[in-house]
Amino acid sequence: MFDVSTWRAEVQRRFQRFIRRPRQEAALFGTERLFLLLASRVMEPFFEHFTYDPLEAVQTLGELTRNQATAFLIHNAVSLRYQHQLLWQRLERSAKQRATLEQIILKLEVVPYLLQELGDVNGEWFRTTLRDELDEYRFSGELVELRQLLNEPSWQTRYAAIQSLNRRGGNFNEAELTQLSDALDDHSAHVRAAAARQLGASRAQLSAQRRQRLLLVALQDRDVGTRYAAARAVGMQREAYTDSAYREVLVTALFHEDPFVRSAACMVLTQLGTVMADASVIDGLLVVLQDADAYAREAAATALGHLGPIAATAAVIQHLTDALLDTDQYVHEAALASLRILQPLRPS
């Protein structure tokens, strides 16, 4: 199956090496122009699938853009799959071809994805380099949407706007709460973390939708600093997270296939503390305490110590005592800290 979602996911997969080493990969790709690199990577899944199912490939291309320039991509798909230079030459000569690739890049959301994944420093390099490169088309009125996307304020400006809300002391109006909620999707980790901290400081109870969004950021954000900021924010709003539905989300996350999500769930439970304490949470944390991932084991050991008297059972004490023998120093230290909290809470 080759639909728009599949195409987008495949493009993201092909950019993984670029995300890790953007400047080196750009140099190794054979062109100094980021727009040409983007065009090649974005079209690779289409050219590849065209070989096996041309009808489906063309139908999916038609969902993204419909103009005469797509004919070149379709009629030359087999050659273009192996010869990037043919596509680059066409893009250099044809304004219509550039417009077609612009629409494909925009609708596959490639630029926002890369800006978020690259992080603040490399993301700013990517944004400014591509923006300056495309500036030559400003006078001909080309690539307007793509240039507008790249001309957004720098992450430092967006961060400063979020930080300026400190003056409100948590007394946010609806427009400000919307601004903060939207900032949780910013491609800058600094901005997302700052927005999470502000939401945690809100004096008014957040709406159910905003609480859910904040929890998902704490569990799933790609940046560990943002996850921690969101977890702290959830903890600051703990009285709004007493519903059993949130407990179910967190217990489920303890068994997620991604160890980062398991660790994040433990971190959120640490922040929520006693309001989340029940048998299902304790059982889940005891499972994670045996996790193959040391970070997850450390986070589970820490969380158990914050659940209060309900966790001060013989079984939990024994599991934490066993964790003192863990080969990872940080797991040992977390288990020891939790034992010091829980042992005095045991009934005499």
C-alpha atoms as a PDB file:
ATOM      1  CA  MET A   1       0.000   0.000   0.000  1.00  0.00           C
ATOM      2  CA  PHE A   2       1.296   3.454  -0.919  1.00  0.00           C
ATOM      3  CA  ASP A   3      -0.807   6.333   0.370  1.00  0.00           C
ATOM      4  CA  VAL A   4       0.090   9.811   1.609  1.00  0.00           C
ATOM      5  CA  SER A   5       0.679   8.592   5.178  1.00  0.00           C
ATOM      6  CA  THR A   6       2.980   5.824   3.959  1.00  0.00           C
ATOM      7  CA  TRP A   7       4.852   8.271   1.760  1.00  0.00           C
ATOM      8  CA  ARG A   8       5.291  10.701   4.659  1.00  0.00           C
ATOM      9  CA  ALA A   9       6.549   7.960   6.995  1.00  0.00           C
ATOM     10  CA  GLU A  10       9.000   6.693   4.387  1.00  0.00           C
ATOM     11  CA  VAL A  11      10.369  10.194   3.810  1.00  0.00           C
ATOM     12  CA  GLN A  12      10.902  10.592   7.540  1.00  0.00           C
ATOM     13  CA  ARG A  13      12.763   7.283   7.658  1.00  0.00           C
ATOM     14  CA  ARG A  14      15.061   8.339   4.826  1.00  0.00           C
ATOM     15  CA  PHE A  15      15.996  11.537   6.643  1.00  0.00           C
ATOM     16  CA  GLN A  16      17.261   9.799   9.789  1.00  0.00           C
ATOM     17  CA  ARG A  17      20.939  10.013   8.855  1.00  0.00           C
ATOM     18  CA  PHE A  18      20.487  13.642   7.857  1.00  0.00           C
ATOM     19  CA  ILE A  19      18.904  14.376  11.249  1.00  0.00           C
ATOM     20  CA  ARG A  20      21.888  12.869  13.061  1.00  0.00           C
ATOM     21  CA  ARG A  21      24.533  14.641  10.943  1.00  0.00           C
ATOM     22  CA  PRO A  22      22.807  17.272   8.776  1.00  0.00           C
ATOM     23  CA  ARG A  23      25.808  19.220   7.540  1.00  0.00           C
ATOM     24  CA  GLN A  24      27.886  16.141   6.781  1.00  0.00           C
ATOM     25  CA  GLU A  25      25.028  14.384   5.021  1.00  0.00           C
ATOM     26  CA  ALA A  26      24.262  17.467   2.955  1.00  0.00           C
ATOM     27  CA  ALA A  27      27.904  17.591   1.846  1.00  0.00           C
ATOM     28  CA  LEU A  28      27.981  13.872   1.034  1.00  0.00           C
ATOM     29  CA  PHE A  29      24.758  13.948  -0.969  1.00  0.00           C
ATOM     30  CA  GLY A  30      26.421  15.596  -3.941  1.00  0.00           C
ATOM     31  CA  THR A  31      24.773  19.018  -3.921  1.00  0.00           C
ATOM     32  CA  GLU A  32      25.255  22.141  -1.847  1.00  0.00           C
ATOM     33  CA  ARG A  33      21.609  23.122  -2.287  1.00  0.00           C
ATOM     34  CA  LEU A  34      19.255  21.941   0.452  1.00  0.00           C
ATOM     35  CA  PHE A  35      16.208  22.370  -1.785  1.00  0.00           C
ATOM     36  CA  LEU A  36      17.624  19.827  -4.230  1.00  0.00           C
ATOM     37  CA  LEU A  37      18.419  17.438  -1.408  1.00  0.00           C
ATOM     38  CA  LEU A  38      14.869  17.793  -0.086  1.00  0.00           C
ATOM     39  CA  ALA A  39      13.426  17.212  -3.552  1.00  0.00           C
ATOM     40  CA  SER A  40      15.422  14.025  -4.075  1.00  0.00           C
ATOM     41  CA  ARG A  41      14.689  12.520  -0.684  1.00  0.00           C
ATOM     42  CA  VAL A  42      10.990  13.406  -0.899  1.00  0.00           C
ATOM     43  CA  MET A  43      10.587  11.818  -4.339  1.00  0.00           C
ATOM     44  CA  GLU A  44      12.554   8.618  -3.642  1.00  0.00           C
ATOM     45  CA  PRO A  45       9.574   6.705  -2.153  1.00  0.00           C
ATOM     46  CA  PHE A  46       7.411   7.644  -5.145  1.00  0.00           C
ATOM     47  CA  PHE A  47      10.012   6.546  -7.712  1.00  0.00           C
ATOM     48  CA  GLU A  48      10.609   3.297  -5.840  1.00  0.00           C
ATOM     49  CA  HIS A  49       6.918   2.411  -5.519  1.00  0.00           C
ATOM     50  CA  PHE A  50       6.294   3.394  -9.136  1.00  0.00           C
ATOM     51  CA  THR A  51       8.490   0.448 -10.154  1.00  0.00           C
ATOM     52  CA  TYR A  52       6.131  -2.026  -8.459  1.00  0.00           C
ATOM     53  CA  ASP A  53       2.720  -0.383  -8.735  1.00  0.00           C
ATOM     54  CA  PRO A  54       2.724   2.648 -11.046  1.00  0.00           C
ATOM     55  CA  LEU A  55      -1.040   3.157 -10.885  1.00  0.00           C
ATOM     56  CA  GLU A  56      -1.126   3.414  -7.103  1.00  0.00           C
ATOM     57  CA  ALA A  57       1.959   5.662  -7.092  1.00  0.00           C
ATOM     58  CA  VAL A  58       0.398   8.042  -9.617  1.00  0.00           C
ATOM     59  CA  GLN A  59      -2.912   8.125  -7.740  1.00  0.00           C
ATOM     60  CA  THR A  60      -1.134   9.081  -4.525  1.00  0.00           C
ATOM     61  CA  LEU A  61       0.898  11.738  -6.314  1.00  0.00           C
ATOM     62  CA  GLY A  62      -2.382  13.143  -7.602  1.00  0.00           C
ATOM     63  CA  GLU A  63      -3.581  13.618  -4.026  1.00  0.00           C
ATOM     64  CA  LEU A  64      -0.652  15.954  -3.379  1.00  0.00           C
ATOM     65  CA  THR A  65      -0.472  17.971  -6.566  1.00  0.00           C
ATOM     66  CA  ARG A  66      -2.115  18.141  -9.982  1.00  0.00           C
ATOM     67  CA  ASN A  67      -0.416  20.121 -12.717  1.00  0.00           C
ATOM     68  CA  GLN A  68       1.451  19.589 -15.960  1.00  0.00           C
ATOM     69  CA  ALA A  69       4.814  19.304 -14.215  1.00  0.00           C
ATOM     70  CA  THR A  70       3.830  15.983 -12.651  1.00  0.00           C
ATOM     71  CA  ALA A  71       3.997  14.450 -16.134  1.00  0.00           C
ATOM     72  CA  PHE A  72       7.784  14.778 -16.087  1.00  0.00           C
ATOM     73  CA  LEU A  73       7.970  12.930 -12.763  1.00  0.00           C
ATOM     74  CA  ILE A  74       5.709  10.145 -13.998  1.00  0.00           C
ATOM     75  CA  HIS A  75       7.188   9.680 -17.476  1.00  0.00           C
ATOM     76  CA  ASN A  76      10.749   9.656 -16.149  1.00  0.00           C
ATOM     77  CA  ALA A  77      10.192   7.880 -12.836  1.00  0.00           C
ATOM     78  CA  VAL A  78      12.412   4.902 -13.649  1.00  0.00           C
ATOM     79  CA  SER A  79      15.376   7.068 -14.699  1.00  0.00           C
ATOM     80  CA  LEU A  80      14.892   9.586 -11.915  1.00  0.00           C
ATOM     81  CA  ARG A  81      15.011   6.836  -9.303  1.00  0.00           C
ATOM     82  CA  TYR A  82      18.714   6.351  -9.970  1.00  0.00           C
ATOM     83  CA  GLN A  83      19.788   9.740 -11.357  1.00  0.00           C
ATOM     84  CA  HIS A  84      19.286  12.628  -8.960  1.00  0.00           C
ATOM     85  CA  GLN A  85      21.031  14.974 -11.365  1.00  0.00           C
ATOM     86  CA  LEU A  86      18.194  14.666 -13.894  1.00  0.00           C
ATOM     87  CA  LEU A  87      15.724  15.930 -11.311  1.00  0.00           C
ATOM     88  CA  TRP A  88      18.087  18.693 -10.199  1.00  0.00           C
ATOM     89  CA  GLN A  89      18.605  19.901 -13.766  1.00  0.00           C
ATOM     90  CA  ARG A  90      14.862  19.981 -14.323  1.00  0.00           C
ATOM     91  CA  LEU A  91      14.324  21.933 -11.106  1.00  0.00           C
ATOM     92  CA  GLU A  92      16.990  24.455 -12.071  1.00  0.00           C
ATOM     93  CA  ARG A  93      15.270  25.105 -15.429  1.00  0.00           C
ATOM     94  CA  SER A  94      11.554  24.811 -14.678  1.00  0.00           C
ATOM     95  CA  ALA A  95       9.549  27.112 -12.394  1.00  0.00           C
ATOM     96  CA  LYS A  96       6.538  24.787 -12.729  1.00  0.00           C
ATOM     97  CA  GLN A  97       8.644  21.844 -11.577  1.00  0.00           C
ATOM     98  CA  ARG A  98       9.829  23.817  -8.566  1.00  0.00           C
ATOM     99  CA  ALA A  99       6.227  24.689  -7.725  1.00  0.00           C
ATOM    100  CA  THR A 100       5.262  21.022  -7.954  1.00  0.00           C
ATOM    101  CA  LEU A 101       8.029  19.943  -5.581  1.00  0.00           C
ATOM    102  CA  GLU A 102       7.141  22.778  -3.230  1.00  0.00           C
ATOM    103  CA  GLN A 103       3.585  21.448  -2.896  1.00  0.00           C
ATOM    104  CA  ILE A 104       4.786  17.885  -2.323  1.00  0.00           C
ATOM    105  CA  ILE A 105       7.267  19.014   0.347  1.00  0.00           C
ATOM    106  CA  LEU A 106       4.603  21.125   2.063  1.00  0.00           C
ATOM    107  CA  LYS A 107       1.871  18.497   2.041  1.00  0.00           C
ATOM    108  CA  LEU A 108       4.199  15.803   3.337  1.00  0.00           C
ATOM    109  CA  GLU A 109       5.106  18.223   6.167  1.00  0.00           C
ATOM    110  CA  VAL A 110       8.807  17.620   5.629  1.00  0.00           C
ATOM    111  CA  VAL A 111      10.121  20.984   6.830  1.00  0.00           C
ATOM    112  CA  PRO A 112       8.234  21.085  10.184  1.00  0.00           C
ATOM    113  CA  TYR A 113       9.315  17.492  10.829  1.00  0.00           C
ATOM    114  CA  LEU A 114      12.975  18.254  10.168  1.00  0.00           C
ATOM    115  CA  LEU A 115      12.923  21.452  12.212  1.00  0.00           C
ATOM    116  CA  GLN A 116      11.551  19.556  15.195  1.00  0.00           C
ATOM    117  CA  GLU A 117      13.854  16.564  14.862  1.00  0.00           C
ATOM    118  CA  LEU A 118      17.038  18.533  14.192  1.00  0.00           C
ATOM    119  CA  GLY A 119      16.831  20.418  17.474  1.00  0.00           C
ATOM    120  CA  ASP A 120      17.472  24.079  18.099  1.00  0.00           C
ATOM    121  CA  VAL A 121      21.028  24.562  16.793  1.00  0.00           C
ATOM    122  CA  ASN A 122      20.905  22.330  13.705  1.00  0.00           C
ATOM    123  CA  GLY A 123      17.288  23.289  13.098  1.00  0.00           C
ATOM    124  CA  GLU A 124      18.195  26.966  12.997  1.00  0.00           C
ATOM    125  CA  TRP A 125      21.081  26.183  10.617  1.00  0.00           C
ATOM    126  CA  PHE A 126      18.694  24.246   8.352  1.00  0.00           C
ATOM    127  CA  ARG A 127      16.039  26.986   8.444  1.00  0.00           C
ATOM    128  CA  THR A 128      18.342  29.895   7.732  1.00  0.00           C
ATOM    129  CA  THR A 129      20.385  28.043   5.098  1.00  0.00           C
ATOM    130  CA  LEU A 130      17.327  26.934   3.146  1.00  0.00           C
ATOM    131  CA  ARG A 131      15.656  30.315   3.590  1.00  0.00           C
ATOM    132  CA  ASP A 132      18.694  32.163   2.246  1.00  0.00           C
ATOM    133  CA  GLU A 133      18.987  29.685  -0.618  1.00  0.00           C
ATOM    134  CA  LEU A 134      15.373  30.219  -1.681  1.00  0.00           C
ATOM    135  CA  ASP A 135      15.610  33.984  -1.363  1.00  0.00           C
ATOM    136  CA  GLU A 136      16.684  34.167  -5.021  1.00  0.00           C
ATOM    137  CA  TYR A 137      13.110  33.240  -5.978  1.00  0.00           C
ATOM    138  CA  ARG A 138      11.608  36.129  -4.022  1.00  0.00           C
ATOM    139  CA  PHE A 139      11.688  38.555  -6.944  1.00  0.00           C
ATOM    140  CA  SER A 140      10.031  36.089  -9.328  1.00  0.00           C
ATOM    141  CA  GLY A 141       7.310  35.344  -6.772  1.00  0.00           C
ATOM    142  CA  GLU A 142       8.136  31.639  -6.573  1.00  0.00           C
ATOM    143  CA  LEU A 143       8.030  29.196  -3.657  1.00  0.00           C
ATOM    144  CA  VAL A 144       6.016  31.674  -1.584  1.00  0.00           C
ATOM    145  CA  GLU A 145       4.507  29.151   0.834  1.00  0.00           C
ATOM    146  CA  LEU A 146       7.793  27.435   1.522  1.00  0.00           C
ATOM    147  CA  ARG A 147       9.571  30.742   2.077  1.00  0.00           C
ATOM    148  CA  GLN A 148       6.821  31.908   4.428  1.00  0.00           C
ATOM    149  CA  LEU A 149       7.217  28.702   6.435  1.00  0.00           C
ATOM    150  CA  LEU A 150      10.940  29.366   6.778  1.00  0.00           C
ATOM    151  CA  ASN A 151      10.490  33.030   7.689  1.00  0.00           C
ATOM    152  CA  GLU A 152       8.796  32.381  11.007  1.00  0.00           C
ATOM    153  CA  PRO A 153      10.422  34.042  14.037  1.00  0.00           C
ATOM    154  CA  SER A 154      13.510  32.314  15.441  1.00  0.00           C
ATOM    155  CA  TRP A 155      13.083  29.877  18.300  1.00  0.00           C
ATOM    156  CA  GLN A 156      14.670  32.443  20.608  1.00  0.00           C
ATOM    157  CA  THR A 157      11.911  34.935  19.762  1.00  0.00           C
ATOM    158  CA  ARG A 158       9.180  32.342  20.277  1.00  0.00           C
ATOM    159  CA  TYR A 159      10.803  31.260  23.545  1.00  0.00           C
ATOM    160  CA  ALA A 160      10.950  34.859  24.753  1.00  0.00           C
ATOM    161  CA  ALA A 161       7.242  35.273  23.968  1.00  0.00           C
ATOM    162  CA  ILE A 162       6.409  32.261  26.148  1.00  0.00           C
ATOM    163  CA  GLN A 163       8.708  33.401  28.942  1.00  0.00           C
ATOM    164  CA  SER A 164       7.129  36.858  28.903  1.00  0.00           C
ATOM    165  CA  LEU A 165       3.960  35.269  30.281  1.00  0.00           C
ATOM    166  CA  ASN A 166       5.740  34.887  33.622  1.00  0.00           C
ATOM    167  CA  ARG A 167       4.362  38.331  34.399  1.00  0.00           C
ATOM    168  CA  ARG A 168       0.882  36.795  34.554  1.00  0.00           C
ATOM    169  CA  GLY A 169       1.767  34.716  37.607  1.00  0.00           C
ATOM    170  CA  GLY A 170      -0.283  31.807  36.301  1.00  0.00           C
ATOM    171  CA  ASN A 171      -3.413  33.918  35.773  1.00  0.00           C
ATOM    172  CA  PHE A 172      -3.715  33.247  32.061  1.00  0.00           C
ATOM    173  CA  ASN A 173      -6.639  34.254  29.892  1.00  0.00           C
ATOM    174  CA  GLU A 174      -8.056  31.931  27.246  1.00  0.00           C
ATOM    175  CA  ALA A 175      -5.970  33.410  24.427  1.00  0.00           C
ATOM    176  CA  GLU A 176      -2.783  32.884  26.444  1.00  0.00           C
ATOM    177  CA  LEU A 177      -3.742  29.320  27.318  1.00  0.00           C
ATOM    178  CA  THR A 178      -4.327  28.663  23.622  1.00  0.00           C
ATOM    179  CA  GLN A 179      -0.920  30.176  22.825  1.00  0.00           C
ATOM    180  CA  LEU A 180       0.725  27.888  25.385  1.00  0.00           C
ATOM    181  CA  SER A 181      -1.145  24.809  24.196  1.00  0.00           C
ATOM    182  CA  ASP A 182      -0.160  25.515  20.589  1.00  0.00           C
ATOM    183  CA  ALA A 183       3.464  25.982  21.670  1.00  0.00           C
ATOM    184  CA  LEU A 184       3.533  22.361  22.870  1.00  0.00           C
ATOM    185  CA  ASP A 185       3.762  21.491  19.150  1.00  0.00           C
ATOM    186  CA  ASP A 186       6.602  23.915  18.424  1.00  0.00           C
ATOM    187  CA  HIS A 187       9.598  22.394  16.640  1.00  0.00           C
ATOM    188  CA  SER A 188      11.934  23.881  19.267  1.00  0.00           C
ATOM    189  CA  ALA A 189      12.378  21.797  22.406  1.00  0.00           C
ATOM    190  CA  HIS A 190      13.157  24.959  24.384  1.00  0.00           C
ATOM    191  CA  VAL A 191       9.808  26.471  23.401  1.00  0.00           C
ATOM    192  CA  ARG A 192       7.867  23.264  24.127  1.00  0.00           C
ATOM    193  CA  ALA A 193       9.475  22.916  27.551  1.00  0.00           C
ATOM    194  CA  ALA A 194       8.801  26.574  28.407  1.00  0.00           C
ATOM    195  CA  ALA A 195       5.148  26.200  27.378  1.00  0.00           C
ATOM    196  CA  ALA A 196       4.775  23.085  29.522  1.00  0.00           C
ATOM    197  CA  ARG A 197       6.206  24.887  32.557  1.00  0.00           C
ATOM    198  CA  GLN A 198       3.790  27.776  32.089  1.00  0.00           C
ATOM    199  CA  LEU A 199       0.807  25.447  31.803  1.00  0.00           C
ATOM    200  CA  GLY A 200       1.883  23.728  34.993  1.00  0.00           C
ATOM    201  CA  ALA A 201       1.857  27.110  36.741  1.00  0.00           C
ATOM    202  CA  SER A 202      -1.722  27.877  35.667  1.00  0.00           C
ATOM    203  CA  ARG A 203      -3.851  28.881  38.647  1.00  0.00           C
ATOM    204  CA  ALA A 204      -7.029  27.844  36.870  1.00  0.00           C
ATOM    205  CA  GLN A 205      -7.656  24.163  36.224  1.00  0.00           C
ATOM    206  CA  LEU A 206      -6.729  23.237  32.684  1.00  0.00           C
ATOM    207  CA  SER A 207      -9.389  21.896  30.351  1.00  0.00           C
ATOM    208  CA  ALA A 208      -9.560  18.139  29.846  1.00  0.00           C
ATOM    209  CA  GLN A 209      -8.140  18.522  26.355  1.00  0.00           C
ATOM    210  CA  ARG A 210      -5.143  20.531  27.612  1.00  0.00           C
ATOM    211  CA  ARG A 211      -4.517  18.092  30.466  1.00  0.00           C
ATOM    212  CA  GLN A 212      -4.490  15.217  28.019  1.00  0.00           C
ATOM    213  CA  ARG A 213      -2.147  17.069  25.662  1.00  0.00           C
ATOM    214  CA  LEU A 214       0.265  17.907  28.481  1.00  0.00           C
ATOM    215  CA  LEU A 215       0.313  14.282  29.608  1.00  0.00           C
ATOM    216  CA  LEU A 216       1.053  13.069  26.084  1.00  0.00           C
ATOM    217  CA  VAL A 217       3.969  15.505  25.820  1.00  0.00           C
ATOM    218  CA  ALA A 218       5.312  14.153  29.121  1.00  0.00           C
ATOM    219  CA  LEU A 219       5.102  10.617  27.767  1.00  0.00           C
ATOM    220  CA  GLN A 220       6.005  10.958  24.105  1.00  0.00           C
ATOM    221  CA  ASP A 221       7.988  14.122  23.342  1.00  0.00           C
ATOM    222  CA  ARG A 222      11.232  13.391  21.533  1.00  0.00           C
ATOM    223  CA  ASP A 223      13.245  15.606  23.866  1.00  0.00           C
ATOM    224  CA  VAL A 224      14.007  14.394  27.384  1.00  0.00           C
ATOM    225  CA  GLY A 225      14.115  17.936  28.781  1.00  0.00           C
ATOM    226  CA  THR A 226      10.658  18.661  27.401  1.00  0.00           C
ATOM    227  CA  ARG A 227       9.311  15.375  28.771  1.00  0.00           C
ATOM    228  CA  TYR A 228      10.662  16.280  32.210  1.00  0.00           C
ATOM    229  CA  ALA A 229       9.206  19.804  32.062  1.00  0.00           C
ATOM    230  CA  ALA A 230       5.807  18.396  31.067  1.00  0.00           C
ATOM    231  CA  ALA A 231       5.973  15.744  33.803  1.00  0.00           C
ATOM    232  CA  ARG A 232       6.700  18.469  36.359  1.00  0.00           C
ATOM    233  CA  ALA A 233       3.778  20.470  34.973  1.00  0.00           C
ATOM    234  CA  VAL A 234       1.457  17.476  35.308  1.00  0.00           C
ATOM    235  CA  GLY A 235       2.633  17.126  38.890  1.00  0.00           C
ATOM    236  CA  MET A 236       1.888  20.785  39.585  1.00  0.00           C
ATOM    237  CA  GLN A 237      -1.652  20.151  38.334  1.00  0.00           C
ATOM    238  CA  ARG A 238      -1.933  16.793  40.138  1.00  0.00           C
ATOM    239  CA  GLU A 239      -5.350  17.459  41.671  1.00  0.00           C
ATOM    240  CA  ALA A 240      -6.795  17.565  38.136  1.00  0.00           C
ATOM    241  CA  TYR A 241      -5.311  14.165  37.275  1.00  0.00           C
ATOM    242  CA  THR A 242      -7.134  11.999  39.791  1.00  0.00           C
ATOM    243  CA  ASP A 243      -9.489  10.480  37.220  1.00  0.00           C
ATOM    244  CA  SER A 244      -8.954   6.752  36.695  1.00  0.00           C
ATOM    245  CA  ALA A 245      -8.624   7.325  32.945  1.00  0.00           C
ATOM    246  CA  TYR A 246      -5.263   9.017  33.499  1.00  0.00           C
ATOM    247  CA  ARG A 247      -4.142   6.103  35.663  1.00  0.00           C
ATOM    248  CA  GLU A 248      -5.040   3.693  32.853  1.00  0.00           C
ATOM    249  CA  VAL A 249      -3.003   5.746  30.365  1.00  0.00           C
ATOM    250  CA  LEU A 250       0.026   5.688  32.654  1.00  0.00           C
ATOM    251  CA  VAL A 251      -0.197   1.994  33.503  1.00  0.00           C
ATOM    252  CA  THR A 252      -0.488   1.189  29.801  1.00  0.00           C
ATOM    253  CA  ALA A 253       2.567   3.359  29.136  1.00  0.00           C
ATOM    254  CA  LEU A 254       4.556   1.320  31.670  1.00  0.00           C
ATOM    255  CA  PHE A 255       4.293  -1.595  29.240  1.00  0.00           C
ATOM    256  CA  HIS A 256       4.996   0.378  26.066  1.00  0.00           C
ATOM    257  CA  GLU A 257       7.503  -1.147  23.647  1.00  0.00           C
ATOM    258  CA  ASP A 258       9.642   2.012  23.720  1.00  0.00           C
ATOM    259  CA  PRO A 259      11.818   2.183  26.870  1.00  0.00           C
ATOM    260  CA  PHE A 260      11.750   5.985  26.722  1.00  0.00           C
ATOM    261  CA  VAL A 261       7.967   5.913  27.113  1.00  0.00           C
ATOM    262  CA  ARG A 262       8.254   3.463  30.016  1.00  0.00           C
ATOM    263  CA  SER A 263      10.783   5.755  31.709  1.00  0.00           C
ATOM    264  CA  ALA A 264       8.602   8.788  31.028  1.00  0.00           C
ATOM    265  CA  ALA A 265       5.566   7.082  32.583  1.00  0.00           C
ATOM    266  CA  CYS A 266       7.599   6.416  35.717  1.00  0.00           C
ATOM    267  CA  MET A 267       8.717  10.047  35.759  1.00  0.00           C
ATOM    268  CA  VAL A 268       5.103  11.259  35.570  1.00  0.00           C
ATOM    269  CA  LEU A 269       4.079   8.886  38.354  1.00  0.00           C
ATOM    270  CA  THR A 270       6.902  10.282  40.475  1.00  0.00           C
ATOM    271  CA  GLN A 271       5.497  13.775  39.998  1.00  0.00           C
ATOM    272  CA  LEU A 272       1.892  12.756  40.657  1.00  0.00           C
ATOM    273  CA  GLY A 273       2.837  10.760  43.739  1.00  0.00           C
ATOM    274  CA  THR A 274       0.096   9.584  46.081  1.00  0.00           C
ATOM    275  CA  VAL A 275      -2.823  10.691  43.857  1.00  0.00           C
ATOM    276  CA  MET A 276      -1.909   7.863  41.485  1.00  0.00           C
ATOM    277  CA  ALA A 277      -1.083   5.243  44.098  1.00  0.00           C
ATOM    278  CA  ASP A 278      -2.986   1.997  43.736  1.00  0.00           C
ATOM    279  CA  ALA A 279      -2.252  -1.688  43.183  1.00  0.00           C
ATOM    280  CA  SER A 280      -2.195  -1.500  39.366  1.00  0.00           C
ATOM    281  CA  VAL A 281       0.399   1.282  39.409  1.00  0.00           C
ATOM    282  CA  ILE A 282       2.576  -0.503  41.961  1.00  0.00           C
ATOM    283  CA  ASP A 283       2.395  -3.783  40.047  1.00  0.00           C
ATOM    284  CA  GLY A 284       3.360  -2.012  36.829  1.00  0.00           C
ATOM    285  CA  LEU A 285       6.309  -0.263  38.460  1.00  0.00           C
ATOM    286  CA  LEU A 286       7.557  -3.526  39.917  1.00  0.00           C
ATOM    287  CA  VAL A 287       7.589  -4.974  36.413  1.00  0.00           C
ATOM    288  CA  VAL A 288       9.566  -1.986  35.095  1.00  0.00           C
ATOM    289  CA  LEU A 289      11.970  -2.394  38.017  1.00  0.00           C
ATOM    290  CA  GLN A 290      13.088  -5.580  36.207  1.00  0.00           C
ATOM    291  CA  ASP A 291      13.309  -3.810  32.828  1.00  0.00           C
ATOM    292  CA  ALA A 292      16.223  -4.444  30.479  1.00  0.00           C
ATOM    293  CA  ASP A 293      16.708  -0.683  30.212  1.00  0.00           C
ATOM    294  CA  ALA A 294      18.639   0.829  33.117  1.00  0.00           C
ATOM    295  CA  TYR A 295      16.980   4.234  32.764  1.00  0.00           C
ATOM    296  CA  ALA A 296      13.568   2.609  33.093  1.00  0.00           C
ATOM    297  CA  ARG A 297      14.661   0.630  36.160  1.00  0.00           C
ATOM    298  CA  GLU A 298      16.011   3.780  37.806  1.00  0.00           C
ATOM    299  CA  ALA A 299      12.817   5.713  37.053  1.00  0.00           C
ATOM    300  CA  ALA A 300      10.639   2.892  38.438  1.00  0.00           C
ATOM    301  CA  ALA A 301      12.688   2.695  41.633  1.00  0.00           C
ATOM    302  CA  THR A 302      12.304   6.447  42.120  1.00  0.00           C
ATOM    303  CA  ALA A 303       8.559   6.410  41.428  1.00  0.00           C
ATOM    304  CA  LEU A 304       7.875   3.685  43.989  1.00  0.00           C
ATOM    305  CA  GLY A 305       9.289   5.902  46.717  1.00  0.00           C
ATOM    306  CA  HIS A 306       6.812   8.665  45.932  1.00  0.00           C
ATOM    307  CA  LEU A 307       3.582   6.662  46.177  1.00  0.00           C
ATOM    308  CA  GLY A 308       3.238   6.981  49.940  1.00  0.00           C
ATOM    309  CA  PRO A 309       2.092   4.436  52.543  1.00  0.00           C
ATOM    310  CA  ILE A 310       0.249   2.237  50.043  1.00  0.00           C
ATOM    311  CA  ALA A 311       3.623   1.313  48.532  1.00  0.00           C
ATOM    312  CA  ALA A 312       5.240   0.552  51.888  1.00  0.00           C
ATOM    313  CA  THR A 313       4.527  -3.164  51.610  1.00  0.00           C
ATOM    314  CA  ALA A 314       6.803  -6.117  52.235  1.00  0.00           C
ATOM    315  CA  ALA A 315       6.754  -6.981  48.536  1.00  0.00           C
ATOM    316  CA  VAL A 316       7.798  -3.505  47.407  1.00  0.00           C
ATOM    317  CA  ILE A 317      10.495  -3.287  50.100  1.00  0.00           C
ATOM    318  CA  GLN A 318      11.874  -6.641  48.967  1.00  0.00           C
ATOM    319  CA  HIS A 319      11.957  -5.641  45.292  1.00  0.00           C
ATOM    320  CA  LEU A 320      13.736  -2.410  46.147  1.00  0.00           C
ATOM    321  CA  THR A 321      16.164  -4.289  48.377  1.00  0.00           C
ATOM    322  CA  ASP A 322      16.926  -6.620  45.473  1.00  0.00           C
ATOM    323  CA  ALA A 323      17.448  -3.567  43.273  1.00  0.00           C
ATOM    324  CA  LEU A 324      20.293  -2.488  45.555  1.00  0.00           C
ATOM    325  CA  LEU A 325      22.297  -5.233  43.850  1.00  0.00           C
ATOM    326  CA  ASP A 326      21.639  -3.795  40.391  1.00  0.00           C
ATOM    327  CA  THR A 327      24.795  -3.452  38.316  1.00  0.00           C
ATOM    328  CA  ASP A 328      23.816   0.119  37.416  1.00  0.00           C
ATOM    329  CA  GLN A 329      24.910   2.634  40.066  1.00  0.00           C
ATOM    330  CA  TYR A 330      21.962   4.946  39.460  1.00  0.00           C
ATOM    331  CA  VAL A 331      19.411   2.160  39.909  1.00  0.00           C
ATOM    332  CA  HIS A 332      21.116   1.251  43.176  1.00  0.00           C
ATOM    333  CA  GLU A 333      20.977   4.875  44.381  1.00  0.00           C
ATOM    334  CA  ALA A 334      17.328   5.304  43.363  1.00  0.00           C
ATOM    335  CA  ALA A 335      16.327   2.111  45.144  1.00  0.00           C
ATOM    336  CA  LEU A 336      18.213   3.159  48.280  1.00  0.00           C
ATOM    337  CA  ALA A 337      16.528   6.581  48.291  1.00  0.00           C
ATOM    338  CA  SER A 338      13.072   5.007  47.969  1.00  0.00           C
ATOM    339  CA  LEU A 339      13.779   2.506  50.724  1.00  0.00           C
ATOM    340  CA  ARG A 340      14.689   5.366  53.038  1.00  0.00           C
ATOM    341  CA  ILE A 341      11.326   6.979  52.264  1.00  0.00           C
ATOM    342  CA  LEU A 342       9.139   3.881  52.479  1.00  0.00           C
ATOM    343  CA  GLN A 343      10.611   1.924  55.390  1.00  0.00           C
ATOM    344  CA  PRO A 344       9.520   4.497  58.019  1.00  0.00           C
ATOM    345  CA  LEU A 345       5.999   4.334  56.573  1.00  0.00           C
ATOM    346  CA  ARG A 346       5.601   0.623  57.265  1.00  0.00           C
ATOM    347  CA  PRO A 347       3.222  -0.265  60.086  1.00  0.00           C
ATOM    348  CA  SER A 348       5.135  -1.034  63.277  1.00  0.00           C
END
